[in-house]
Full PDB file with SEQRES, HELIX, SHEET, SSBOND, CRYST1, ORIGX, SCALE, CONECT and MASTER records, all heavy atoms in Angstrom:
SEQRES   1 A   35  THR SER GLY ASP GLU ARG GLN ASP PHE LYS TYR ALA TRP          
SEQRES   2 A   35  LEU ASP GLU CYS PHE THR TRP LEU ASN LYS LEU LYS LYS          
SEQRES   3 A   35  LYS HIS PRO LYS LEU ILE LEU CYS GLY                          
HELIX    1 AA1 ASP A    4  LYS A   27  1                                  24    
CRYST1    1.000    1.000    1.000  90.00  90.00  90.00 P 1           1          
ORIGX1      1.000000  0.000000  0.000000        0.00000                         
ORIGX2      0.000000  1.000000  0.000000        0.00000                         
ORIGX3      0.000000  0.000000  1.000000        0.00000                         
SCALE1      1.000000  0.000000  0.000000        0.00000                         
SCALE2      0.000000  1.000000  0.000000        0.00000                         
SCALE3      0.000000  0.000000  1.000000        0.00000                         
ATOM      1  N   THR A   1      67.997  34.763 -46.896  1.00  0.00           N  
ATOM      2  CA  THR A   1      68.222  35.519 -48.048  1.00  0.00           C  
ATOM      3  C   THR A   1      69.400  36.555 -47.793  1.00  0.00           C  
ATOM      4  O   THR A   1      69.802  37.156 -48.778  1.00  0.00           O  
ATOM      5  CB  THR A   1      66.994  36.240 -48.571  1.00  0.00           C  
ATOM      6  OG1 THR A   1      66.490  37.099 -47.467  1.00  0.00           O  
ATOM      7  CG2 THR A   1      65.965  35.282 -49.016  1.00  0.00           C  
ATOM      8  N   SER A   2      69.776  36.762 -46.567  1.00  0.00           N  
ATOM      9  CA  SER A   2      70.785  37.929 -46.409  1.00  0.00           C  
ATOM     10  C   SER A   2      72.243  37.454 -46.393  1.00  0.00           C  
ATOM     11  O   SER A   2      73.069  38.240 -46.056  1.00  0.00           O  
ATOM     12  CB  SER A   2      70.388  38.641 -45.076  1.00  0.00           C  
ATOM     13  OG  SER A   2      70.489  37.756 -44.071  1.00  0.00           O  
ATOM     14  N   GLY A   3      72.480  36.177 -46.716  1.00  0.00           N  
ATOM     15  CA  GLY A   3      73.830  35.670 -46.870  1.00  0.00           C  
ATOM     16  C   GLY A   3      74.072  34.286 -46.283  1.00  0.00           C  
ATOM     17  O   GLY A   3      73.117  33.825 -45.694  1.00  0.00           O  
ATOM     18  N   ASP A   4      75.312  33.858 -46.422  1.00  0.00           N  
ATOM     19  CA  ASP A   4      75.631  32.498 -45.971  1.00  0.00           C  
ATOM     20  C   ASP A   4      75.419  32.243 -44.455  1.00  0.00           C  
ATOM     21  O   ASP A   4      74.878  31.245 -44.025  1.00  0.00           O  
ATOM     22  CB  ASP A   4      77.048  32.224 -46.342  1.00  0.00           C  
ATOM     23  CG  ASP A   4      77.255  32.023 -47.804  1.00  0.00           C  
ATOM     24  OD1 ASP A   4      76.315  31.913 -48.568  1.00  0.00           O  
ATOM     25  OD2 ASP A   4      78.368  32.104 -48.272  1.00  0.00           O  
ATOM     26  N   GLU A   5      75.758  33.291 -43.649  1.00  0.00           N  
ATOM     27  CA  GLU A   5      75.599  33.162 -42.185  1.00  0.00           C  
ATOM     28  C   GLU A   5      74.141  32.984 -41.814  1.00  0.00           C  
ATOM     29  O   GLU A   5      73.865  32.011 -41.048  1.00  0.00           O  
ATOM     30  CB  GLU A   5      76.182  34.416 -41.548  1.00  0.00           C  
ATOM     31  CG  GLU A   5      76.191  34.238 -39.976  1.00  0.00           C  
ATOM     32  CD  GLU A   5      76.738  35.480 -39.321  1.00  0.00           C  
ATOM     33  OE1 GLU A   5      77.780  36.068 -39.878  1.00  0.00           O  
ATOM     34  OE2 GLU A   5      76.287  35.852 -38.201  1.00  0.00           O  
ATOM     35  N   ARG A   6      73.272  33.669 -42.381  1.00  0.00           N  
ATOM     36  CA  ARG A   6      71.899  33.549 -42.088  1.00  0.00           C  
ATOM     37  C   ARG A   6      71.285  32.225 -42.658  1.00  0.00           C  
ATOM     38  O   ARG A   6      70.373  31.595 -42.135  1.00  0.00           O  
ATOM     39  CB  ARG A   6      71.051  34.755 -42.554  1.00  0.00           C  
ATOM     40  CG  ARG A   6      71.213  35.955 -41.696  1.00  0.00           C  
ATOM     41  CD  ARG A   6      70.856  35.737 -40.189  1.00  0.00           C  
ATOM     42  NE  ARG A   6      69.525  35.544 -39.963  1.00  0.00           N  
ATOM     43  CZ  ARG A   6      68.963  35.292 -38.721  1.00  0.00           C  
ATOM     44  NH1 ARG A   6      69.741  35.256 -37.644  1.00  0.00           N  
ATOM     45  NH2 ARG A   6      67.711  35.139 -38.562  1.00  0.00           N  
ATOM     46  N   GLN A   7      71.801  31.865 -43.775  1.00  0.00           N  
ATOM     47  CA  GLN A   7      71.366  30.610 -44.463  1.00  0.00           C  
ATOM     48  C   GLN A   7      71.738  29.408 -43.478  1.00  0.00           C  
ATOM     49  O   GLN A   7      70.992  28.467 -43.337  1.00  0.00           O  
ATOM     50  CB  GLN A   7      71.913  30.418 -45.751  1.00  0.00           C  
ATOM     51  CG  GLN A   7      71.302  29.213 -46.557  1.00  0.00           C  
ATOM     52  CD  GLN A   7      69.788  29.264 -46.765  1.00  0.00           C  
ATOM     53  OE1 GLN A   7      69.288  30.337 -47.041  1.00  0.00           O  
ATOM     54  NE2 GLN A   7      69.195  28.098 -46.763  1.00  0.00           N  
ATOM     55  N   ASP A   8      72.965  29.445 -42.981  1.00  0.00           N  
ATOM     56  CA  ASP A   8      73.427  28.415 -42.021  1.00  0.00           C  
ATOM     57  C   ASP A   8      72.612  28.430 -40.764  1.00  0.00           C  
ATOM     58  O   ASP A   8      72.237  27.402 -40.301  1.00  0.00           O  
ATOM     59  CB  ASP A   8      74.935  28.619 -41.637  1.00  0.00           C  
ATOM     60  CG  ASP A   8      75.872  28.423 -42.769  1.00  0.00           C  
ATOM     61  OD1 ASP A   8      75.465  27.731 -43.762  1.00  0.00           O  
ATOM     62  OD2 ASP A   8      77.096  28.811 -42.717  1.00  0.00           O  
ATOM     63  N   PHE A   9      72.215  29.663 -40.265  1.00  0.00           N  
ATOM     64  CA  PHE A   9      71.344  29.757 -39.164  1.00  0.00           C  
ATOM     65  C   PHE A   9      70.029  29.088 -39.423  1.00  0.00           C  
ATOM     66  O   PHE A   9      69.427  28.421 -38.701  1.00  0.00           O  
ATOM     67  CB  PHE A   9      71.175  31.280 -38.735  1.00  0.00           C  
ATOM     68  CG  PHE A   9      70.254  31.479 -37.658  1.00  0.00           C  
ATOM     69  CD1 PHE A   9      70.622  31.322 -36.330  1.00  0.00           C  
ATOM     70  CD2 PHE A   9      68.909  31.834 -37.861  1.00  0.00           C  
ATOM     71  CE1 PHE A   9      69.754  31.536 -35.316  1.00  0.00           C  
ATOM     72  CE2 PHE A   9      68.021  32.046 -36.755  1.00  0.00           C  
ATOM     73  CZ  PHE A   9      68.406  31.865 -35.475  1.00  0.00           C  
ATOM     74  N   LYS A  10      69.473  29.395 -40.711  1.00  0.00           N  
ATOM     75  CA  LYS A  10      68.231  28.798 -41.053  1.00  0.00           C  
ATOM     76  C   LYS A  10      68.192  27.307 -41.064  1.00  0.00           C  
ATOM     77  O   LYS A  10      67.319  26.632 -40.511  1.00  0.00           O  
ATOM     78  CB  LYS A  10      67.761  29.322 -42.458  1.00  0.00           C  
ATOM     79  CG  LYS A  10      66.402  28.769 -42.897  1.00  0.00           C  
ATOM     80  CD  LYS A  10      66.097  29.390 -44.179  1.00  0.00           C  
ATOM     81  CE  LYS A  10      64.678  28.857 -44.613  1.00  0.00           C  
ATOM     82  NZ  LYS A  10      64.035  29.651 -45.641  1.00  0.00           N  
ATOM     83  N   TYR A  11      69.310  26.734 -41.684  1.00  0.00           N  
ATOM     84  CA  TYR A  11      69.451  25.224 -41.692  1.00  0.00           C  
ATOM     85  C   TYR A  11      69.464  24.713 -40.283  1.00  0.00           C  
ATOM     86  O   TYR A  11      68.790  23.683 -39.992  1.00  0.00           O  
ATOM     87  CB  TYR A  11      70.585  24.815 -42.592  1.00  0.00           C  
ATOM     88  CG  TYR A  11      70.412  25.026 -44.081  1.00  0.00           C  
ATOM     89  CD1 TYR A  11      71.419  25.344 -44.817  1.00  0.00           C  
ATOM     90  CD2 TYR A  11      69.197  24.763 -44.698  1.00  0.00           C  
ATOM     91  CE1 TYR A  11      71.325  25.566 -46.172  1.00  0.00           C  
ATOM     92  CE2 TYR A  11      69.018  24.948 -46.057  1.00  0.00           C  
ATOM     93  CZ  TYR A  11      70.084  25.354 -46.791  1.00  0.00           C  
ATOM     94  OH  TYR A  11      69.972  25.468 -48.153  1.00  0.00           O  
ATOM     95  N   ALA A  12      70.232  25.318 -39.420  1.00  0.00           N  
ATOM     96  CA  ALA A  12      70.419  24.841 -38.030  1.00  0.00           C  
ATOM     97  C   ALA A  12      69.000  25.012 -37.371  1.00  0.00           C  
ATOM     98  O   ALA A  12      68.581  24.057 -36.613  1.00  0.00           O  
ATOM     99  CB  ALA A  12      71.459  25.585 -37.245  1.00  0.00           C  
ATOM    100  N   TRP A  13      68.344  26.013 -37.535  1.00  0.00           N  
ATOM    101  CA  TRP A  13      66.965  26.265 -36.969  1.00  0.00           C  
ATOM    102  C   TRP A  13      65.967  25.105 -37.468  1.00  0.00           C  
ATOM    103  O   TRP A  13      65.214  24.589 -36.711  1.00  0.00           O  
ATOM    104  CB  TRP A  13      66.478  27.578 -37.377  1.00  0.00           C  
ATOM    105  CG  TRP A  13      65.311  28.042 -36.502  1.00  0.00           C  
ATOM    106  CD1 TRP A  13      65.358  28.795 -35.361  1.00  0.00           C  
ATOM    107  CD2 TRP A  13      63.897  27.877 -36.761  1.00  0.00           C  
ATOM    108  NE1 TRP A  13      64.121  29.038 -34.962  1.00  0.00           N  
ATOM    109  CE2 TRP A  13      63.203  28.476 -35.737  1.00  0.00           C  
ATOM    110  CE3 TRP A  13      63.142  27.169 -37.711  1.00  0.00           C  
ATOM    111  CZ2 TRP A  13      61.815  28.426 -35.682  1.00  0.00           C  
ATOM    112  CZ3 TRP A  13      61.752  27.155 -37.637  1.00  0.00           C  
ATOM    113  CH2 TRP A  13      61.090  27.817 -36.677  1.00  0.00           C  
ATOM    114  N   LEU A  14      66.064  24.907 -38.743  1.00  0.00           N  
ATOM    115  CA  LEU A  14      65.196  23.864 -39.215  1.00  0.00           C  
ATOM    116  C   LEU A  14      65.380  22.468 -38.654  1.00  0.00           C  
ATOM    117  O   LEU A  14      64.490  21.794 -38.311  1.00  0.00           O  
ATOM    118  CB  LEU A  14      65.243  23.795 -40.887  1.00  0.00           C  
ATOM    119  CG  LEU A  14      64.705  24.881 -41.644  1.00  0.00           C  
ATOM    120  CD1 LEU A  14      65.153  24.861 -43.076  1.00  0.00           C  
ATOM    121  CD2 LEU A  14      63.232  24.994 -41.452  1.00  0.00           C  
ATOM    122  N   ASP A  15      66.720  22.123 -38.457  1.00  0.00           N  
ATOM    123  CA  ASP A  15      67.026  20.881 -37.801  1.00  0.00           C  
ATOM    124  C   ASP A  15      66.554  20.846 -36.424  1.00  0.00           C  
ATOM    125  O   ASP A  15      66.075  19.884 -35.924  1.00  0.00           O  
ATOM    126  CB  ASP A  15      68.495  20.625 -37.908  1.00  0.00           C  
ATOM    127  CG  ASP A  15      68.997  20.299 -39.280  1.00  0.00           C  
ATOM    128  OD1 ASP A  15      68.243  19.869 -40.085  1.00  0.00           O  
ATOM    129  OD2 ASP A  15      70.319  20.480 -39.493  1.00  0.00           O  
ATOM    130  N   GLU A  16      66.797  21.931 -35.712  1.00  0.00           N  
ATOM    131  CA  GLU A  16      66.328  22.000 -34.245  1.00  0.00           C  
ATOM    132  C   GLU A  16      64.761  21.903 -34.159  1.00  0.00           C  
ATOM    133  O   GLU A  16      64.280  21.296 -33.258  1.00  0.00           O  
ATOM    134  CB  GLU A  16      66.799  23.377 -33.595  1.00  0.00           C  
ATOM    135  CG  GLU A  16      68.309  23.427 -33.369  1.00  0.00           C  
ATOM    136  CD  GLU A  16      68.700  24.898 -32.947  1.00  0.00           C  
ATOM    137  OE1 GLU A  16      67.807  25.816 -32.854  1.00  0.00           O  
ATOM    138  OE2 GLU A  16      69.866  25.050 -32.664  1.00  0.00           O  
ATOM    139  N   CYS A  17      64.212  22.679 -35.082  1.00  0.00           N  
ATOM    140  CA  CYS A  17      62.730  22.668 -35.034  1.00  0.00           C  
ATOM    141  C   CYS A  17      62.131  21.317 -35.262  1.00  0.00           C  
ATOM    142  O   CYS A  17      61.161  20.873 -34.726  1.00  0.00           O  
ATOM    143  CB  CYS A  17      62.170  23.699 -36.054  1.00  0.00           C  
ATOM    144  SG  CYS A  17      60.424  24.014 -35.999  1.00  0.00           S  
ATOM    145  N   PHE A  18      62.749  20.571 -36.351  1.00  0.00           N  
ATOM    146  CA  PHE A  18      62.235  19.250 -36.680  1.00  0.00           C  
ATOM    147  C   PHE A  18      62.412  18.257 -35.443  1.00  0.00           C  
ATOM    148  O   PHE A  18      61.411  17.594 -35.071  1.00  0.00           O  
ATOM    149  CB  PHE A  18      63.089  18.739 -37.816  1.00  0.00           C  
ATOM    150  CG  PHE A  18      62.647  17.372 -38.313  1.00  0.00           C  
ATOM    151  CD1 PHE A  18      61.564  17.096 -39.092  1.00  0.00           C  
ATOM    152  CD2 PHE A  18      63.508  16.264 -37.952  1.00  0.00           C  
ATOM    153  CE1 PHE A  18      61.192  15.851 -39.442  1.00  0.00           C  
ATOM    154  CE2 PHE A  18      63.080  14.992 -38.421  1.00  0.00           C  
ATOM    155  CZ  PHE A  18      61.950  14.802 -39.108  1.00  0.00           C  
ATOM    156  N   THR A  19      63.463  18.311 -34.790  1.00  0.00           N  
ATOM    157  CA  THR A  19      63.685  17.512 -33.590  1.00  0.00           C  
ATOM    158  C   THR A  19      62.761  17.910 -32.475  1.00  0.00           C  
ATOM    159  O   THR A  19      62.124  17.004 -31.835  1.00  0.00           O  
ATOM    160  CB  THR A  19      65.232  17.632 -33.118  1.00  0.00           C  
ATOM    161  OG1 THR A  19      66.089  17.247 -34.120  1.00  0.00           O  
ATOM    162  CG2 THR A  19      65.500  16.785 -31.850  1.00  0.00           C  
ATOM    163  N   TRP A  20      62.652  19.172 -32.265  1.00  0.00           N  
ATOM    164  CA  TRP A  20      61.739  19.643 -31.196  1.00  0.00           C  
ATOM    165  C   TRP A  20      60.257  19.298 -31.501  1.00  0.00           C  
ATOM    166  O   TRP A  20      59.561  18.794 -30.555  1.00  0.00           O  
ATOM    167  CB  TRP A  20      61.897  21.183 -31.076  1.00  0.00           C  
ATOM    168  CG  TRP A  20      60.884  21.847 -30.161  1.00  0.00           C  
ATOM    169  CD1 TRP A  20      60.878  21.816 -28.864  1.00  0.00           C  
ATOM    170  CD2 TRP A  20      59.928  22.743 -30.625  1.00  0.00           C  
ATOM    171  NE1 TRP A  20      59.814  22.655 -28.365  1.00  0.00           N  
ATOM    172  CE2 TRP A  20      59.186  23.163 -29.474  1.00  0.00           C  
ATOM    173  CE3 TRP A  20      59.493  23.275 -31.878  1.00  0.00           C  
ATOM    174  CZ2 TRP A  20      58.234  24.074 -29.480  1.00  0.00           C  
ATOM    175  CZ3 TRP A  20      58.440  24.186 -31.950  1.00  0.00           C  
ATOM    176  CH2 TRP A  20      57.782  24.563 -30.777  1.00  0.00           C  
ATOM    177  N   LEU A  21      59.847  19.469 -32.710  1.00  0.00           N  
ATOM    178  CA  LEU A  21      58.423  19.111 -33.050  1.00  0.00           C  
ATOM    179  C   LEU A  21      58.206  17.635 -32.922  1.00  0.00           C  
ATOM    180  O   LEU A  21      57.123  17.218 -32.484  1.00  0.00           O  
ATOM    181  CB  LEU A  21      58.103  19.535 -34.491  1.00  0.00           C  
ATOM    182  CG  LEU A  21      57.915  21.075 -34.646  1.00  0.00           C  
ATOM    183  CD1 LEU A  21      57.788  21.449 -36.109  1.00  0.00           C  
ATOM    184  CD2 LEU A  21      56.673  21.564 -33.918  1.00  0.00           C  
ATOM    185  N   ASN A  22      59.161  16.803 -33.310  1.00  0.00           N  
ATOM    186  CA  ASN A  22      59.024  15.351 -33.094  1.00  0.00           C  
ATOM    187  C   ASN A  22      58.840  15.027 -31.658  1.00  0.00           C  
ATOM    188  O   ASN A  22      58.080  14.134 -31.330  1.00  0.00           O  
ATOM    189  CB  ASN A  22      60.109  14.566 -33.819  1.00  0.00           C  
ATOM    190  CG  ASN A  22      59.903  14.434 -35.317  1.00  0.00           C  
ATOM    191  OD1 ASN A  22      58.732  14.281 -35.753  1.00  0.00           O  
ATOM    192  ND2 ASN A  22      60.923  14.491 -36.136  1.00  0.00           N  
ATOM    193  N   LYS A  23      59.517  15.576 -30.861  1.00  0.00           N  
ATOM    194  CA  LYS A  23      59.344  15.343 -29.372  1.00  0.00           C  
ATOM    195  C   LYS A  23      58.093  15.849 -28.873  1.00  0.00           C  
ATOM    196  O   LYS A  23      57.419  15.196 -28.125  1.00  0.00           O  
ATOM    197  CB  LYS A  23      60.554  15.960 -28.529  1.00  0.00           C  
ATOM    198  CG  LYS A  23      61.845  15.308 -28.701  1.00  0.00           C  
ATOM    199  CD  LYS A  23      62.968  16.008 -27.838  1.00  0.00           C  
ATOM    200  CE  LYS A  23      64.307  15.487 -28.146  1.00  0.00           C  
ATOM    201  NZ  LYS A  23      65.383  16.247 -27.402  1.00  0.00           N  
ATOM    202  N   LEU A  24      57.740  16.970 -29.277  1.00  0.00           N  
ATOM    203  CA  LEU A  24      56.479  17.612 -28.855  1.00  0.00           C  
ATOM    204  C   LEU A  24      55.261  16.846 -29.262  1.00  0.00           C  
ATOM    205  O   LEU A  24      54.320  16.784 -28.542  1.00  0.00           O  
ATOM    206  CB  LEU A  24      56.480  19.000 -29.391  1.00  0.00           C  
ATOM    207  CG  LEU A  24      55.513  20.013 -28.761  1.00  0.00           C  
ATOM    208  CD1 LEU A  24      55.845  20.226 -27.272  1.00  0.00           C  
ATOM    209  CD2 LEU A  24      55.629  21.379 -29.460  1.00  0.00           C  
ATOM    210  N   LYS A  25      55.329  16.230 -30.447  1.00  0.00           N  
ATOM    211  CA  LYS A  25      54.163  15.462 -30.876  1.00  0.00           C  
ATOM    212  C   LYS A  25      53.875  14.264 -30.062  1.00  0.00           C  
ATOM    213  O   LYS A  25      52.667  13.813 -29.979  1.00  0.00           O  
ATOM    214  CB  LYS A  25      54.512  14.887 -32.326  1.00  0.00           C  
ATOM    215  CG  LYS A  25      54.248  15.945 -33.404  1.00  0.00           C  
ATOM    216  CD  LYS A  25      54.199  15.402 -34.822  1.00  0.00           C  
ATOM    217  CE  LYS A  25      55.448  14.461 -35.158  1.00  0.00           C  
ATOM    218  NZ  LYS A  25      55.592  14.082 -36.547  1.00  0.00           N  
ATOM    219  N   LYS A  26      54.816  13.751 -29.328  1.00  0.00           N  
ATOM    220  CA  LYS A  26      54.590  12.607 -28.389  1.00  0.00           C  
ATOM    221  C   LYS A  26      53.795  13.067 -27.202  1.00  0.00           C  
ATOM    222  O   LYS A  26      52.901  12.386 -26.744  1.00  0.00           O  
ATOM    223  CB  LYS A  26      55.980  12.154 -27.892  1.00  0.00           C  
ATOM    224  CG  LYS A  26      56.709  11.317 -29.030  1.00  0.00           C  
ATOM    225  CD  LYS A  26      58.034  10.928 -28.583  1.00  0.00           C  
ATOM    226  CE  LYS A  26      58.801  10.313 -29.801  1.00  0.00           C  
ATOM    227  NZ  LYS A  26      60.163  10.003 -29.506  1.00  0.00           N  
ATOM    228  N   LYS A  27      53.915  14.266 -26.780  1.00  0.00           N  
ATOM    229  CA  LYS A  27      53.259  14.907 -25.613  1.00  0.00           C  
ATOM    230  C   LYS A  27      51.942  15.440 -26.051  1.00  0.00           C  
ATOM    231  O   LYS A  27      51.010  15.474 -25.329  1.00  0.00           O  
ATOM    232  CB  LYS A  27      54.058  15.903 -24.838  1.00  0.00           C  
ATOM    233  CG  LYS A  27      53.468  16.470 -23.698  1.00  0.00           C  
ATOM    234  CD  LYS A  27      54.380  17.399 -22.966  1.00  0.00           C  
ATOM    235  CE  LYS A  27      53.651  17.984 -21.701  1.00  0.00           C  
ATOM    236  NZ  LYS A  27      54.484  19.047 -21.071  1.00  0.00           N  
ATOM    237  N   HIS A  28      51.897  16.097 -27.314  1.00  0.00           N  
ATOM    238  CA  HIS A  28      50.773  16.787 -27.879  1.00  0.00           C  
ATOM    239  C   HIS A  28      50.421  16.222 -29.250  1.00  0.00           C  
ATOM    240  O   HIS A  28      50.799  16.879 -30.251  1.00  0.00           O  
ATOM    241  CB  HIS A  28      50.947  18.286 -28.003  1.00  0.00           C  
ATOM    242  CG  HIS A  28      51.261  18.996 -26.622  1.00  0.00           C  
ATOM    243  ND1 HIS A  28      50.365  19.271 -25.710  1.00  0.00           N  
ATOM    244  CD2 HIS A  28      52.492  19.220 -26.111  1.00  0.00           C  
ATOM    245  CE1 HIS A  28      50.948  19.872 -24.689  1.00  0.00           C  
ATOM    246  NE2 HIS A  28      52.257  19.813 -24.879  1.00  0.00           N  
ATOM    247  N   PRO A  29      49.721  15.071 -29.370  1.00  0.00           N  
ATOM    248  CA  PRO A  29      49.529  14.515 -30.655  1.00  0.00           C  
ATOM    249  C   PRO A  29      48.602  15.373 -31.543  1.00  0.00           C  
ATOM    250  O   PRO A  29      48.767  15.300 -32.741  1.00  0.00           O  
ATOM    251  CB  PRO A  29      48.833  13.144 -30.330  1.00  0.00           C  
ATOM    252  CG  PRO A  29      48.588  13.078 -28.959  1.00  0.00           C  
ATOM    253  CD  PRO A  29      49.233  14.242 -28.260  1.00  0.00           C  
ATOM    254  N   LYS A  30      47.773  16.233 -30.951  1.00  0.00           N  
ATOM    255  CA  LYS A  30      47.017  17.104 -31.781  1.00  0.00           C  
ATOM    256  C   LYS A  30      47.745  18.464 -31.854  1.00  0.00           C  
ATOM    257  O   LYS A  30      47.443  19.334 -31.086  1.00  0.00           O  
ATOM    258  CB  LYS A  30      45.561  17.314 -31.081  1.00  0.00           C  
ATOM    259  CG  LYS A  30      44.794  16.063 -31.179  1.00  0.00           C  
ATOM    260  CD  LYS A  30      43.352  16.274 -30.629  1.00  0.00           C  
ATOM    261  CE  LYS A  30      42.540  14.978 -30.747  1.00  0.00           C  
ATOM    262  NZ  LYS A  30      41.247  15.140 -30.134  1.00  0.00           N  
ATOM    263  N   LEU A  31      48.666  18.453 -32.774  1.00  0.00           N  
ATOM    264  CA  LEU A  31      49.533  19.645 -32.984  1.00  0.00           C  
ATOM    265  C   LEU A  31      49.225  20.340 -34.242  1.00  0.00           C  
ATOM    266  O   LEU A  31      49.078  19.677 -35.325  1.00  0.00           O  
ATOM    267  CB  LEU A  31      50.969  19.087 -33.000  1.00  0.00           C  
ATOM    268  CG  LEU A  31      52.164  20.029 -32.931  1.00  0.00           C  
ATOM    269  CD1 LEU A  31      52.169  20.701 -31.552  1.00  0.00           C  
ATOM    270  CD2 LEU A  31      53.409  19.259 -33.116  1.00  0.00           C  
ATOM    271  N   ILE A  32      48.989  21.667 -34.152  1.00  0.00           N  
ATOM    272  CA  ILE A  32      48.865  22.491 -35.314  1.00  0.00           C  
ATOM    273  C   ILE A  32      50.127  23.441 -35.436  1.00  0.00           C  
ATOM    274  O   ILE A  32      50.378  24.175 -34.484  1.00  0.00           O  
ATOM    275  CB  ILE A  32      47.571  23.262 -35.190  1.00  0.00           C  
ATOM    276  CG1 ILE A  32      46.356  22.407 -35.177  1.00  0.00           C  
ATOM    277  CG2 ILE A  32      47.413  24.175 -36.430  1.00  0.00           C  
ATOM    278  CD1 ILE A  32      45.047  23.100 -34.803  1.00  0.00           C  
ATOM    279  N   LEU A  33      50.731  23.386 -36.541  1.00  0.00           N  
ATOM    280  CA  LEU A  33      51.850  24.228 -36.808  1.00  0.00           C  
ATOM    281  C   LEU A  33      51.481  25.235 -37.997  1.00  0.00           C  
ATOM    282  O   LEU A  33      51.175  24.777 -39.022  1.00  0.00           O  
ATOM    283  CB  LEU A  33      53.076  23.486 -37.186  1.00  0.00           C  
ATOM    284  CG  LEU A  33      54.310  24.311 -37.625  1.00  0.00           C  
ATOM    285  CD1 LEU A  33      54.880  25.143 -36.572  1.00  0.00           C  
ATOM    286  CD2 LEU A  33      55.436  23.427 -38.195  1.00  0.00           C  
ATOM    287  N   CYS A  34      51.492  26.529 -37.673  1.00  0.00           N  
ATOM    288  CA  CYS A  34      51.300  27.463 -38.680  1.00  0.00           C  
ATOM    289  C   CYS A  34      52.317  28.595 -38.596  1.00  0.00           C  
ATOM    290  O   CYS A  34      53.049  28.601 -37.623  1.00  0.00           O  
ATOM    291  CB  CYS A  34      49.828  28.045 -38.550  1.00  0.00           C  
ATOM    292  SG  CYS A  34      49.621  29.115 -37.178  1.00  0.00           S  
ATOM    293  N   GLY A  35      52.351  29.357 -39.625  1.00  0.00           N  
ATOM    294  CA  GLY A  35      53.319  30.520 -39.628  1.00  0.00           C  
ATOM    295  C   GLY A  35      53.928  30.751 -41.044  1.00  0.00           C  
ATOM    296  O   GLY A  35      53.349  30.365 -41.977  1.00  0.00           O  
TER     297      GLY A  35                                                      
MASTER        0    0    0    1    0    0    0    6  296    1    0    3          
END                                                                             
């Protein structure tokens, strides 16, 4: 919400998080994500 730079950071974070969680699910199939 604070501008284009932070929105770009958010989109990059979401992409990184998605990739990371998919890898993590292979090692930890019982995964709970909250927040």
